[in-house]
Amino acid sequence: MYESPRNILRKISGLDFVERGRIREYSFCRAAGGGVRAAYPNLAHFAGTERIEEAKTTGAKALVTCCPFCELNFAKNIEEKKEKIKLHDLIELVLRVMEKKGTS
């Protein structure tokens, strides 16, 4: 499922949507789900850090994810490295936009 989240983000007024280099079928997981973070914490840390670095090279000020495991992994890496990049869950981001517009 590649296009649905992107289509939602593109419809948010004022949001400047940018992509990282490795996307869709060329992307890789943040290695946090399915017990990977518990069994292979170094792999999960590397994957999360690598994806954050990729996002920073685009000039992105925030990451958006639909996956709760990715969100936890990103949050931990952002906190550990004291990164400035923000992190959003897609559904929570949409809800905030709707509340701001008074449509919720």
PDB file of N, CA and C in Angstrom:
ATOM      1  N   MET A   1       0.846  -1.162   0.000  1.00  0.00           N
ATOM      2  CA  MET A   1       0.000   0.000   0.000  1.00  0.00           C
ATOM      3  C   MET A   1       0.900   1.237   0.000  1.00  0.00           C
ATOM      4  N   TYR A   2       1.097   1.791  -1.168  1.00  0.00           N
ATOM      5  CA  TYR A   2       2.013   2.927  -1.296  1.00  0.00           C
ATOM      6  C   TYR A   2       1.297   4.263  -1.493  1.00  0.00           C
ATOM      7  N   GLU A   3       0.308   4.289  -2.348  1.00  0.00           N
ATOM      8  CA  GLU A   3      -0.270   5.564  -2.759  1.00  0.00           C
ATOM      9  C   GLU A   3      -1.276   6.161  -1.783  1.00  0.00           C
ATOM     10  N   SER A   4      -2.023   5.340  -1.064  1.00  0.00           N
ATOM     11  CA  SER A   4      -3.078   5.884  -0.192  1.00  0.00           C
ATOM     12  C   SER A   4      -2.545   6.896   0.826  1.00  0.00           C
ATOM     13  N   PRO A   5      -1.515   6.584   1.596  1.00  0.00           N
ATOM     14  CA  PRO A   5      -1.010   7.580   2.556  1.00  0.00           C
ATOM     15  C   PRO A   5      -0.466   8.828   1.855  1.00  0.00           C
ATOM     16  N   ARG A   6       0.179   8.643   0.726  1.00  0.00           N
ATOM     17  CA  ARG A   6       0.723   9.779  -0.021  1.00  0.00           C
ATOM     18  C   ARG A   6      -0.399  10.680  -0.537  1.00  0.00           C
ATOM     19  N   ASN A   7      -1.472  10.070  -1.020  1.00  0.00           N
ATOM     20  CA  ASN A   7      -2.611  10.854  -1.501  1.00  0.00           C
ATOM     21  C   ASN A   7      -3.215  11.685  -0.385  1.00  0.00           C
ATOM     22  N   ILE A   8      -3.291  11.122   0.804  1.00  0.00           N
ATOM     23  CA  ILE A   8      -3.811  11.865   1.961  1.00  0.00           C
ATOM     24  C   ILE A   8      -2.908  13.051   2.266  1.00  0.00           C
ATOM     25  N   LEU A   9      -1.603  12.814   2.323  1.00  0.00           N
ATOM     26  CA  LEU A   9      -0.665  13.896   2.629  1.00  0.00           C
ATOM     27  C   LEU A   9      -0.714  14.997   1.579  1.00  0.00           C
ATOM     28  N   ARG A  10      -0.853  14.631   0.316  1.00  0.00           N
ATOM     29  CA  ARG A  10      -0.897  15.627  -0.766  1.00  0.00           C
ATOM     30  C   ARG A  10      -2.131  16.524  -0.669  1.00  0.00           C
ATOM     31  N   LYS A  11      -3.172  16.055  -0.001  1.00  0.00           N
ATOM     32  CA  LYS A  11      -4.414  16.825   0.113  1.00  0.00           C
ATOM     33  C   LYS A  11      -4.409  17.787   1.308  1.00  0.00           C
ATOM     34  N   ILE A  12      -3.399  17.727   2.135  1.00  0.00           N
ATOM     35  CA  ILE A  12      -3.333  18.619   3.296  1.00  0.00           C
ATOM     36  C   ILE A  12      -2.757  19.960   2.852  1.00  0.00           C
ATOM     37  N   SER A  13      -3.588  20.958   2.921  1.00  0.00           N
ATOM     38  CA  SER A  13      -3.205  22.306   2.512  1.00  0.00           C
ATOM     39  C   SER A  13      -2.047  22.818   3.369  1.00  0.00           C
ATOM     40  N   GLY A  14      -1.044  23.376   2.717  1.00  0.00           N
ATOM     41  CA  GLY A  14       0.094  23.945   3.423  1.00  0.00           C
ATOM     42  C   GLY A  14       1.201  22.957   3.738  1.00  0.00           C
ATOM     43  N   LEU A  15       0.965  21.686   3.479  1.00  0.00           N
ATOM     44  CA  LEU A  15       1.980  20.672   3.736  1.00  0.00           C
ATOM     45  C   LEU A  15       2.839  20.508   2.483  1.00  0.00           C
ATOM     46  N   ASP A  16       4.133  20.630   2.625  1.00  0.00           N
ATOM     47  CA  ASP A  16       5.070  20.464   1.514  1.00  0.00           C
ATOM     48  C   ASP A  16       5.574  19.022   1.557  1.00  0.00           C
ATOM     49  N   PHE A  17       4.968  18.162   0.767  1.00  0.00           N
ATOM     50  CA  PHE A  17       5.260  16.733   0.775  1.00  0.00           C
ATOM     51  C   PHE A  17       6.533  16.450  -0.020  1.00  0.00           C
ATOM     52  N   VAL A  18       7.514  15.821   0.628  1.00  0.00           N
ATOM     53  CA  VAL A  18       8.752  15.411  -0.048  1.00  0.00           C
ATOM     54  C   VAL A  18       8.984  13.934   0.229  1.00  0.00           C
ATOM     55  N   GLU A  19       9.655  13.265  -0.696  1.00  0.00           N
ATOM     56  CA  GLU A  19       9.944  11.839  -0.575  1.00  0.00           C
ATOM     57  C   GLU A  19      11.433  11.631  -0.345  1.00  0.00           C
ATOM     58  N   ARG A  20      11.747  10.570   0.346  1.00  0.00           N
ATOM     59  CA  ARG A  20      13.136  10.134   0.467  1.00  0.00           C
ATOM     60  C   ARG A  20      13.512   9.409  -0.814  1.00  0.00           C
ATOM     61  N   GLY A  21      14.781   9.098  -0.963  1.00  0.00           N
ATOM     62  CA  GLY A  21      15.239   8.417  -2.167  1.00  0.00           C
ATOM     63  C   GLY A  21      14.725   6.986  -2.295  1.00  0.00           C
ATOM     64  N   ARG A  22      14.796   6.224  -1.220  1.00  0.00           N
ATOM     65  CA  ARG A  22      14.328   4.821  -1.244  1.00  0.00           C
ATOM     66  C   ARG A  22      12.870   4.782  -0.834  1.00  0.00           C
ATOM     67  N   ILE A  23      12.004   4.546  -1.796  1.00  0.00           N
ATOM     68  CA  ILE A  23      10.573   4.525  -1.510  1.00  0.00           C
ATOM     69  C   ILE A  23       9.914   3.337  -2.191  1.00  0.00           C
ATOM     70  N   ARG A  24       8.670   3.116  -1.820  1.00  0.00           N
ATOM     71  CA  ARG A  24       7.832   2.047  -2.360  1.00  0.00           C
ATOM     72  C   ARG A  24       8.564   0.710  -2.286  1.00  0.00           C
ATOM     73  N   GLU A  25       8.657   0.003  -3.375  1.00  0.00           N
ATOM     74  CA  GLU A  25       9.267  -1.333  -3.335  1.00  0.00           C
ATOM     75  C   GLU A  25      10.777  -1.298  -3.092  1.00  0.00           C
ATOM     76  N   TYR A  26      11.402  -0.108  -3.147  1.00  0.00           N
ATOM     77  CA  TYR A  26      12.839   0.005  -2.895  1.00  0.00           C
ATOM     78  C   TYR A  26      13.139   0.453  -1.470  1.00  0.00           C
ATOM     79  N   SER A  27      12.115   0.681  -0.697  1.00  0.00           N
ATOM     80  CA  SER A  27      12.261   1.101   0.682  1.00  0.00           C
ATOM     81  C   SER A  27      12.637  -0.097   1.553  1.00  0.00           C
ATOM     82  N   PHE A  28      12.923   0.162   2.799  1.00  0.00           N
ATOM     83  CA  PHE A  28      13.091  -0.938   3.740  1.00  0.00           C
ATOM     84  C   PHE A  28      12.444  -0.563   5.059  1.00  0.00           C
ATOM     85  N   CYS A  29      12.031  -1.564   5.763  1.00  0.00           N
ATOM     86  CA  CYS A  29      11.317  -1.394   7.017  1.00  0.00           C
ATOM     87  C   CYS A  29      12.246  -0.789   8.067  1.00  0.00           C
ATOM     88  N   ARG A  30      11.641  -0.172   9.059  1.00  0.00           N
ATOM     89  CA  ARG A  30      12.399   0.385  10.183  1.00  0.00           C
ATOM     90  C   ARG A  30      12.790  -0.689  11.173  1.00  0.00           C
ATOM     91  N   ALA A  31      12.451  -1.922  10.902  1.00  0.00           N
ATOM     92  CA  ALA A  31      12.897  -3.079  11.686  1.00  0.00           C
ATOM     93  C   ALA A  31      12.486  -3.018  13.148  1.00  0.00           C
ATOM     94  N   ALA A  32      11.259  -2.610  13.400  1.00  0.00           N
ATOM     95  CA  ALA A  32      10.813  -2.531  14.783  1.00  0.00           C
ATOM     96  C   ALA A  32       9.691  -3.510  15.080  1.00  0.00           C
ATOM     97  N   GLY A  33       8.933  -3.917  14.088  1.00  0.00           N
ATOM     98  CA  GLY A  33       7.780  -4.782  14.307  1.00  0.00           C
ATOM     99  C   GLY A  33       8.145  -6.257  14.317  1.00  0.00           C
ATOM    100  N   GLY A  34       7.148  -7.063  14.611  1.00  0.00           N
ATOM    101  CA  GLY A  34       7.318  -8.516  14.561  1.00  0.00           C
ATOM    102  C   GLY A  34       8.383  -9.051  15.499  1.00  0.00           C
ATOM    103  N   GLY A  35       8.686  -8.305  16.543  1.00  0.00           N
ATOM    104  CA  GLY A  35       9.694  -8.761  17.497  1.00  0.00           C
ATOM    105  C   GLY A  35      11.129  -8.451  17.096  1.00  0.00           C
ATOM    106  N   VAL A  36      11.316  -7.788  15.963  1.00  0.00           N
ATOM    107  CA  VAL A  36      12.681  -7.502  15.506  1.00  0.00           C
ATOM    108  C   VAL A  36      13.409  -6.606  16.497  1.00  0.00           C
ATOM    109  N   ARG A  37      12.731  -5.562  16.978  1.00  0.00           N
ATOM    110  CA  ARG A  37      13.400  -4.648  17.919  1.00  0.00           C
ATOM    111  C   ARG A  37      13.834  -5.385  19.182  1.00  0.00           C
ATOM    112  N   ALA A  38      13.025  -6.346  19.639  1.00  0.00           N
ATOM    113  CA  ALA A  38      13.378  -7.110  20.831  1.00  0.00           C
ATOM    114  C   ALA A  38      14.525  -8.084  20.558  1.00  0.00           C
ATOM    115  N   ALA A  39      14.486  -8.740  19.411  1.00  0.00           N
ATOM    116  CA  ALA A  39      15.497  -9.751  19.100  1.00  0.00           C
ATOM    117  C   ALA A  39      16.788  -9.152  18.547  1.00  0.00           C
ATOM    118  N   TYR A  40      16.655  -8.065  17.788  1.00  0.00           N
ATOM    119  CA  TYR A  40      17.817  -7.458  17.116  1.00  0.00           C
ATOM    120  C   TYR A  40      17.811  -5.944  17.324  1.00  0.00           C
ATOM    121  N   PRO A  41      18.033  -5.496  18.540  1.00  0.00           N
ATOM    122  CA  PRO A  41      17.952  -4.055  18.809  1.00  0.00           C
ATOM    123  C   PRO A  41      18.938  -3.225  17.994  1.00  0.00           C
ATOM    124  N   ASN A  42      20.108  -3.764  17.718  1.00  0.00           N
ATOM    125  CA  ASN A  42      21.089  -3.013  16.922  1.00  0.00           C
ATOM    126  C   ASN A  42      20.596  -2.796  15.496  1.00  0.00           C
ATOM    127  N   LEU A  43      19.965  -3.808  14.916  1.00  0.00           N
ATOM    128  CA  LEU A  43      19.405  -3.684  13.575  1.00  0.00           C
ATOM    129  C   LEU A  43      18.289  -2.643  13.565  1.00  0.00           C
ATOM    130  N   ALA A  44      17.409  -2.706  14.558  1.00  0.00           N
ATOM    131  CA  ALA A  44      16.307  -1.746  14.635  1.00  0.00           C
ATOM    132  C   ALA A  44      16.837  -0.322  14.788  1.00  0.00           C
ATOM    133  N   HIS A  45      17.848  -0.155  15.616  1.00  0.00           N
ATOM    134  CA  HIS A  45      18.443   1.168  15.811  1.00  0.00           C
ATOM    135  C   HIS A  45      19.072   1.666  14.523  1.00  0.00           C
ATOM    136  N   PHE A  46      19.841   0.818  13.850  1.00  0.00           N
ATOM    137  CA  PHE A  46      20.463   1.198  12.590  1.00  0.00           C
ATOM    138  C   PHE A  46      19.415   1.600  11.556  1.00  0.00           C
ATOM    139  N   ALA A  47      18.381   0.776  11.394  1.00  0.00           N
ATOM    140  CA  ALA A  47      17.364   1.037  10.374  1.00  0.00           C
ATOM    141  C   ALA A  47      16.638   2.349  10.642  1.00  0.00           C
ATOM    142  N   GLY A  48      16.265   2.584  11.882  1.00  0.00           N
ATOM    143  CA  GLY A  48      15.585   3.831  12.225  1.00  0.00           C
ATOM    144  C   GLY A  48      16.466   5.041  11.992  1.00  0.00           C
ATOM    145  N   THR A  49      17.709   4.949  12.431  1.00  0.00           N
ATOM    146  CA  THR A  49      18.653   6.058  12.252  1.00  0.00           C
ATOM    147  C   THR A  49      18.899   6.328  10.777  1.00  0.00           C
ATOM    148  N   GLU A  50      19.065   5.286   9.989  1.00  0.00           N
ATOM    149  CA  GLU A  50      19.309   5.423   8.553  1.00  0.00           C
ATOM    150  C   GLU A  50      18.142   6.131   7.864  1.00  0.00           C
ATOM    151  N   ARG A  51      16.924   5.764   8.216  1.00  0.00           N
ATOM    152  CA  ARG A  51      15.747   6.377   7.591  1.00  0.00           C
ATOM    153  C   ARG A  51      15.597   7.841   8.013  1.00  0.00           C
ATOM    154  N   ILE A  52      15.948   8.164   9.249  1.00  0.00           N
ATOM    155  CA  ILE A  52      15.912   9.558   9.694  1.00  0.00           C
ATOM    156  C   ILE A  52      16.941  10.372   8.918  1.00  0.00           C
ATOM    157  N   GLU A  53      18.130   9.836   8.761  1.00  0.00           N
ATOM    158  CA  GLU A  53      19.171  10.536   7.999  1.00  0.00           C
ATOM    159  C   GLU A  53      18.728  10.763   6.557  1.00  0.00           C
ATOM    160  N   GLU A  54      18.096   9.758   5.961  1.00  0.00           N
ATOM    161  CA  GLU A  54      17.584   9.914   4.598  1.00  0.00           C
ATOM    162  C   GLU A  54      16.563  11.044   4.531  1.00  0.00           C
ATOM    163  N   ALA A  55      15.678  11.112   5.516  1.00  0.00           N
ATOM    164  CA  ALA A  55      14.667  12.170   5.538  1.00  0.00           C
ATOM    165  C   ALA A  55      15.327  13.534   5.670  1.00  0.00           C
ATOM    166  N   LYS A  56      16.338  13.638   6.507  1.00  0.00           N
ATOM    167  CA  LYS A  56      17.012  14.921   6.710  1.00  0.00           C
ATOM    168  C   LYS A  56      17.667  15.417   5.426  1.00  0.00           C
ATOM    169  N   THR A  57      18.170  14.521   4.595  1.00  0.00           N
ATOM    170  CA  THR A  57      18.823  14.946   3.347  1.00  0.00           C
ATOM    171  C   THR A  57      17.837  15.596   2.379  1.00  0.00           C
ATOM    172  N   THR A  58      16.541  15.354   2.538  1.00  0.00           N
ATOM    173  CA  THR A  58      15.527  15.968   1.679  1.00  0.00           C
ATOM    174  C   THR A  58      15.149  17.354   2.163  1.00  0.00           C
ATOM    175  N   GLY A  59      15.571  17.705   3.370  1.00  0.00           N
ATOM    176  CA  GLY A  59      15.162  18.961   3.966  1.00  0.00           C
ATOM    177  C   GLY A  59      13.861  18.845   4.744  1.00  0.00           C
ATOM    178  N   ALA A  60      13.357  17.623   4.879  1.00  0.00           N
ATOM    179  CA  ALA A  60      12.095  17.414   5.595  1.00  0.00           C
ATOM    180  C   ALA A  60      12.235  17.868   7.046  1.00  0.00           C
ATOM    181  N   LYS A  61      11.162  18.450   7.534  1.00  0.00           N
ATOM    182  CA  LYS A  61      11.124  18.893   8.928  1.00  0.00           C
ATOM    183  C   LYS A  61      10.359  17.908   9.800  1.00  0.00           C
ATOM    184  N   ALA A  62       9.715  16.916   9.162  1.00  0.00           N
ATOM    185  CA  ALA A  62       8.925  15.947   9.904  1.00  0.00           C
ATOM    186  C   ALA A  62       8.851  14.627   9.143  1.00  0.00           C
ATOM    187  N   LEU A  63       8.635  13.564   9.902  1.00  0.00           N
ATOM    188  CA  LEU A  63       8.360  12.233   9.361  1.00  0.00           C
ATOM    189  C   LEU A  63       6.913  11.904   9.659  1.00  0.00           C
ATOM    190  N   VAL A  64       6.265  11.215   8.732  1.00  0.00           N
ATOM    191  CA  VAL A  64       4.892  10.759   8.947  1.00  0.00           C
ATOM    192  C   VAL A  64       4.875   9.260   8.699  1.00  0.00           C
ATOM    193  N   THR A  65       4.244   8.521   9.604  1.00  0.00           N
ATOM    194  CA  THR A  65       4.159   7.077   9.465  1.00  0.00           C
ATOM    195  C   THR A  65       2.751   6.601   9.808  1.00  0.00           C
ATOM    196  N   CYS A  66       2.416   5.450   9.279  1.00  0.00           N
ATOM    197  CA  CYS A  66       1.132   4.797   9.601  1.00  0.00           C
ATOM    198  C   CYS A  66       1.356   3.609  10.527  1.00  0.00           C
ATOM    199  N   CYS A  67       2.599   3.266  10.766  1.00  0.00           N
ATOM    200  CA  CYS A  67       2.939   2.054  11.507  1.00  0.00           C
ATOM    201  C   CYS A  67       3.311   2.391  12.952  1.00  0.00           C
ATOM    202  N   PRO A  68       2.603   1.820  13.925  1.00  0.00           N
ATOM    203  CA  PRO A  68       2.939   2.119  15.326  1.00  0.00           C
ATOM    204  C   PRO A  68       4.332   1.624  15.724  1.00  0.00           C
ATOM    205  N   PHE A  69       4.794   0.545  15.121  1.00  0.00           N
ATOM    206  CA  PHE A  69       6.142   0.055  15.434  1.00  0.00           C
ATOM    207  C   PHE A  69       7.203   1.015  14.902  1.00  0.00           C
ATOM    208  N   CYS A  70       6.984   1.520  13.688  1.00  0.00           N
ATOM    209  CA  CYS A  70       7.916   2.501  13.131  1.00  0.00           C
ATOM    210  C   CYS A  70       7.916   3.773  13.976  1.00  0.00           C
ATOM    211  N   GLU A  71       6.729   4.175  14.400  1.00  0.00           N
ATOM    212  CA  GLU A  71       6.621   5.383  15.214  1.00  0.00           C
ATOM    213  C   GLU A  71       7.431   5.245  16.501  1.00  0.00           C
ATOM    214  N   LEU A  72       7.300   4.116  17.175  1.00  0.00           N
ATOM    215  CA  LEU A  72       8.074   3.894  18.407  1.00  0.00           C
ATOM    216  C   LEU A  72       9.574   3.879  18.130  1.00  0.00           C
ATOM    217  N   ASN A  73       9.965   3.224  17.061  1.00  0.00           N
ATOM    218  CA  ASN A  73      11.383   3.131  16.719  1.00  0.00           C
ATOM    219  C   ASN A  73      11.935   4.508  16.361  1.00  0.00           C
ATOM    220  N   PHE A  74      11.215   5.251  15.518  1.00  0.00           N
ATOM    221  CA  PHE A  74      11.654   6.601  15.167  1.00  0.00           C
ATOM    222  C   PHE A  74      11.734   7.478  16.406  1.00  0.00           C
ATOM    223  N   ALA A  75      10.715   7.428  17.249  1.00  0.00           N
ATOM    224  CA  ALA A  75      10.685   8.272  18.448  1.00  0.00           C
ATOM    225  C   ALA A  75      11.899   8.006  19.332  1.00  0.00           C
ATOM    226  N   LYS A  76      12.234   6.744  19.503  1.00  0.00           N
ATOM    227  CA  LYS A  76      13.390   6.401  20.332  1.00  0.00           C
ATOM    228  C   LYS A  76      14.681   6.940  19.711  1.00  0.00           C
ATOM    229  N   ASN A  77      14.838   6.772  18.401  1.00  0.00           N
ATOM    230  CA  ASN A  77      16.048   7.260  17.730  1.00  0.00           C
ATOM    231  C   ASN A  77      16.129   8.778  17.755  1.00  0.00           C
ATOM    232  N   ILE A  78      15.002   9.455  17.547  1.00  0.00           N
ATOM    233  CA  ILE A  78      14.977  10.919  17.582  1.00  0.00           C
ATOM    234  C   ILE A  78      15.362  11.416  18.964  1.00  0.00           C
ATOM    235  N   GLU A  79      14.813  10.779  19.991  1.00  0.00           N
ATOM    236  CA  GLU A  79      15.124  11.181  21.372  1.00  0.00           C
ATOM    237  C   GLU A  79      16.598  10.930  21.700  1.00  0.00           C
ATOM    238  N   GLU A  80      17.105   9.752  21.354  1.00  0.00           N
ATOM    239  CA  GLU A  80      18.500   9.408  21.673  1.00  0.00           C
ATOM    240  C   GLU A  80      19.484  10.353  21.004  1.00  0.00           C
ATOM    241  N   LYS A  81      19.209  10.715  19.755  1.00  0.00           N
ATOM    242  CA  LYS A  81      20.142  11.559  19.003  1.00  0.00           C
ATOM    243  C   LYS A  81      19.807  13.041  19.095  1.00  0.00           C
ATOM    244  N   LYS A  82      18.743  13.361  19.866  1.00  0.00           N
ATOM    245  CA  LYS A  82      18.311  14.745  20.039  1.00  0.00           C
ATOM    246  C   LYS A  82      18.106  15.433  18.687  1.00  0.00           C
ATOM    247  N   GLU A  83      17.443  14.718  17.795  1.00  0.00           N
ATOM    248  CA  GLU A  83      17.144  15.236  16.465  1.00  0.00           C
ATOM    249  C   GLU A  83      16.079  16.319  16.550  1.00  0.00           C
ATOM    250  N   LYS A  84      16.086  17.231  15.612  1.00  0.00           N
ATOM    251  CA  LYS A  84      15.091  18.310  15.549  1.00  0.00           C
ATOM    252  C   LYS A  84      13.864  17.898  14.741  1.00  0.00           C
ATOM    253  N   ILE A  85      13.974  16.837  13.958  1.00  0.00           N
ATOM    254  CA  ILE A  85      12.885  16.423  13.083  1.00  0.00           C
ATOM    255  C   ILE A  85      11.682  15.977  13.910  1.00  0.00           C
ATOM    256  N   LYS A  86      10.497  16.366  13.482  1.00  0.00           N
ATOM    257  CA  LYS A  86       9.271  16.000  14.191  1.00  0.00           C
ATOM    258  C   LYS A  86       8.757  14.664  13.656  1.00  0.00           C
ATOM    259  N   LEU A  87       7.882  14.043  14.410  1.00  0.00           N
ATOM    260  CA  LEU A  87       7.322  12.744  14.057  1.00  0.00           C
ATOM    261  C   LEU A  87       5.810  12.788  14.224  1.00  0.00           C
ATOM    262  N   HIS A  88       5.095  12.306  13.203  1.00  0.00           N
ATOM    263  CA  HIS A  88       3.637  12.310  13.241  1.00  0.00           C
ATOM    264  C   HIS A  88       3.085  10.965  12.797  1.00  0.00           C
ATOM    265  N   ASP A  89       2.042  10.542  13.469  1.00  0.00           N
ATOM    266  CA  ASP A  89       1.224   9.435  12.995  1.00  0.00           C
ATOM    267  C   ASP A  89       0.260  10.036  11.973  1.00  0.00           C
ATOM    268  N   LEU A  90       0.059   9.369  10.832  1.00  0.00           N
ATOM    269  CA  LEU A  90      -0.760   9.920   9.764  1.00  0.00           C
ATOM    270  C   LEU A  90      -2.181  10.237  10.230  1.00  0.00           C
ATOM    271  N   ILE A  91      -2.816   9.313  10.926  1.00  0.00           N
ATOM    272  CA  ILE A  91      -4.194   9.519  11.354  1.00  0.00           C
ATOM    273  C   ILE A  91      -4.296  10.672  12.354  1.00  0.00           C
ATOM    274  N   GLU A  92      -3.356  10.760  13.285  1.00  0.00           N
ATOM    275  CA  GLU A  92      -3.362  11.862  14.242  1.00  0.00           C
ATOM    276  C   GLU A  92      -3.124  13.199  13.543  1.00  0.00           C
ATOM    277  N   LEU A  93      -2.284  13.201  12.519  1.00  0.00           N
ATOM    278  CA  LEU A  93      -2.031  14.413  11.742  1.00  0.00           C
ATOM    279  C   LEU A  93      -3.310  14.860  11.029  1.00  0.00           C
ATOM    280  N   VAL A  94      -4.006  13.933  10.406  1.00  0.00           N
ATOM    281  CA  VAL A  94      -5.266  14.252   9.736  1.00  0.00           C
ATOM    282  C   VAL A  94      -6.288  14.788  10.740  1.00  0.00           C
ATOM    283  N   LEU A  95      -6.377  14.173  11.900  1.00  0.00           N
ATOM    284  CA  LEU A  95      -7.303  14.633  12.930  1.00  0.00           C
ATOM    285  C   LEU A  95      -6.986  16.066  13.356  1.00  0.00           C
ATOM    286  N   ARG A  96      -5.701  16.375  13.554  1.00  0.00           N
ATOM    287  CA  ARG A  96      -5.320  17.745  13.934  1.00  0.00           C
ATOM    288  C   ARG A  96      -5.719  18.749  12.853  1.00  0.00           C
ATOM    289  N   VAL A  97      -5.517  18.382  11.589  1.00  0.00           N
ATOM    290  CA  VAL A  97      -5.899  19.262  10.483  1.00  0.00           C
ATOM    291  C   VAL A  97      -7.407  19.472  10.485  1.00  0.00           C
ATOM    292  N   MET A  98      -8.156  18.397  10.684  1.00  0.00           N
ATOM    293  CA  MET A  98      -9.618  18.504  10.709  1.00  0.00           C
ATOM    294  C   MET A  98     -10.091  19.361  11.883  1.00  0.00           C
ATOM    295  N   GLU A  99      -9.489  19.196  13.045  1.00  0.00           N
ATOM    296  CA  GLU A  99      -9.856  20.002  14.213  1.00  0.00           C
ATOM    297  C   GLU A  99      -9.546  21.472  13.983  1.00  0.00           C
ATOM    298  N   LYS A 100      -8.428  21.723  13.338  1.00  0.00           N
ATOM    299  CA  LYS A 100      -8.010  23.097  13.051  1.00  0.00           C
ATOM    300  C   LYS A 100      -9.014  23.772  12.101  1.00  0.00           C
ATOM    301  N   LYS A 101      -9.542  22.986  11.171  1.00  0.00           N
ATOM    302  CA  LYS A 101     -10.512  23.509  10.208  1.00  0.00           C
ATOM    303  C   LYS A 101     -11.935  23.450  10.739  1.00  0.00           C
ATOM    304  N   GLY A 102     -12.120  22.831  11.918  1.00  0.00           N
ATOM    305  CA  GLY A 102     -13.445  22.721  12.500  1.00  0.00           C
ATOM    306  C   GLY A 102     -14.345  21.730  11.805  1.00  0.00           C
ATOM    307  N   THR A 103     -13.727  20.665  11.244  1.00  0.00           N
ATOM    308  CA  THR A 103     -14.522  19.665  10.505  1.00  0.00           C
ATOM    309  C   THR A 103     -14.599  18.322  11.227  1.00  0.00           C
ATOM    310  N   SER A 104     -14.089  18.252  12.438  1.00  0.00           N
ATOM    311  CA  SER A 104     -14.133  16.950  13.129  1.00  0.00           C
ATOM    312  C   SER A 104     -15.397  16.783  13.936  1.00  0.00           C
TER     313      SER A 104
END
